[in-house]
């Protein structure tokens, strides 16, 4: 099982509506991309939360599934429509657990 972790920092001018739309868009991917086994998204509770306030965790079977997820049109559209307009920075990691 691969845990695809993405930490986000959004622009200071991102609105509450934009943040909510990003969350809805990311969580909706579970119903659109068959490779996703589980997905969760929420605020970072760690001391580093000021640097990376939001965390996405996507569970997939293997790295081929990660690539399928990343290239899937629903993921590409979600990033384009909801994440990119408000994203300041992101940090991603894939971990086999």
Protein backbone atom coordinates (compact mmCIF):
# COMPACT_ATOMS: atom_id res chain seq x y z
CA UNK A 1 0.00 0.00 0.00
CA UNK A 2 1.31 3.45 -0.96
CA UNK A 3 0.39 6.51 1.07
CA UNK A 4 0.60 9.57 -1.17
CA UNK A 5 1.02 12.56 1.16
CA UNK A 6 0.65 16.13 -0.02
CA UNK A 7 1.14 19.14 2.24
CA UNK A 8 -0.32 22.43 1.05
CA UNK A 9 0.22 26.07 1.81
CA UNK A 10 -2.37 28.34 0.23
CA UNK A 11 -2.09 31.99 -0.68
CA UNK A 12 -2.94 34.48 2.06
CA UNK A 13 -5.77 35.89 -0.08
CA UNK A 14 -7.49 32.50 -0.52
CA UNK A 15 -11.11 32.84 0.60
CA UNK A 16 -13.02 30.47 2.85
CA UNK A 17 -15.15 29.54 -0.15
CA UNK A 18 -12.07 28.65 -2.20
CA UNK A 19 -10.64 26.55 0.64
CA UNK A 20 -13.95 24.71 1.01
CA UNK A 21 -14.15 24.11 -2.75
CA UNK A 22 -10.60 22.71 -2.73
CA UNK A 23 -11.52 20.30 0.06
CA UNK A 24 -14.71 19.16 -1.69
CA UNK A 25 -12.85 18.74 -4.98
CA UNK A 26 -10.08 16.67 -3.44
CA UNK A 27 -12.39 14.41 -1.45
CA UNK A 28 -14.66 13.87 -4.47
CA UNK A 29 -11.74 12.22 -6.28
CA UNK A 30 -12.41 9.00 -4.37
CA UNK A 31 -15.62 8.55 -6.36
CA UNK A 32 -13.99 9.45 -9.67
CA UNK A 33 -10.65 7.63 -9.67
CA UNK A 34 -10.83 3.84 -9.25
CA UNK A 35 -7.20 3.52 -8.08
CA UNK A 36 -7.95 5.39 -4.84
CA UNK A 37 -8.47 3.04 -1.89
CA UNK A 38 -8.98 5.83 0.66
CA UNK A 39 -8.54 9.58 0.79
CA UNK A 40 -8.50 12.11 3.60
CA UNK A 41 -7.83 15.82 3.83
CA UNK A 42 -7.70 18.24 6.70
CA UNK A 43 -5.75 20.69 8.78
CA UNK A 44 -2.22 19.85 9.83
CA UNK A 45 -2.18 19.35 13.61
CA UNK A 46 1.61 19.16 13.91
CA UNK A 47 3.81 21.97 15.22
CA UNK A 48 4.81 22.66 11.59
CA UNK A 49 1.21 23.56 10.72
CA UNK A 50 2.14 27.18 10.08
CA UNK A 51 4.43 26.05 7.25
CA UNK A 52 2.08 23.40 5.83
CA UNK A 53 -1.47 24.05 7.10
CA UNK A 54 -3.32 21.39 5.06
CA UNK A 55 -2.60 17.70 4.42
CA UNK A 56 -3.95 15.29 1.82
CA UNK A 57 -3.43 11.53 2.25
CA UNK A 58 -4.34 9.20 -0.60
CA UNK A 59 -3.98 5.43 -0.24
CA UNK A 60 -3.27 3.49 -3.43
CA UNK A 61 -2.13 -0.07 -4.14
CA UNK A 62 1.23 0.66 -5.77
CA UNK A 63 3.26 3.26 -7.65
CA UNK A 64 1.51 2.40 -10.93
CA UNK A 65 -1.76 3.37 -9.22
CA UNK A 66 -0.14 6.61 -8.00
CA UNK A 67 0.80 7.44 -11.59
CA UNK A 68 -2.73 6.59 -12.76
CA UNK A 69 -4.17 8.84 -10.06
CA UNK A 70 -1.83 11.71 -10.93
CA UNK A 71 -2.62 11.50 -14.65
CA UNK A 72 -6.36 10.91 -14.27
CA UNK A 73 -8.45 13.68 -15.89
CA UNK A 74 -10.46 14.19 -12.67
CA UNK A 75 -7.25 14.82 -10.69
CA UNK A 76 -5.85 17.13 -13.36
CA UNK A 77 -9.13 19.10 -13.39
CA UNK A 78 -9.27 19.31 -9.60
CA UNK A 79 -5.75 20.72 -9.42
CA UNK A 80 -6.42 23.14 -12.27
CA UNK A 81 -9.80 24.36 -11.03
CA UNK A 82 -9.49 24.33 -7.24
CA UNK A 83 -5.87 23.98 -6.08
CA UNK A 84 -3.68 25.90 -8.54
CA UNK A 85 -5.58 29.20 -8.24
CA UNK A 86 -4.93 29.37 -4.47
CA UNK A 87 -1.78 27.28 -3.99
CA UNK A 88 1.30 28.99 -2.63
CA UNK A 89 3.37 25.79 -2.24
CA UNK A 90 3.08 22.04 -2.00
CA UNK A 91 5.24 19.20 -0.75
CA UNK A 92 4.55 15.60 -1.76
CA UNK A 93 5.87 12.21 -0.70
CA UNK A 94 4.99 8.60 -1.49
CA UNK A 95 5.53 6.08 1.29
CA UNK A 96 5.05 2.30 1.21
CA UNK A 97 3.40 1.28 4.47
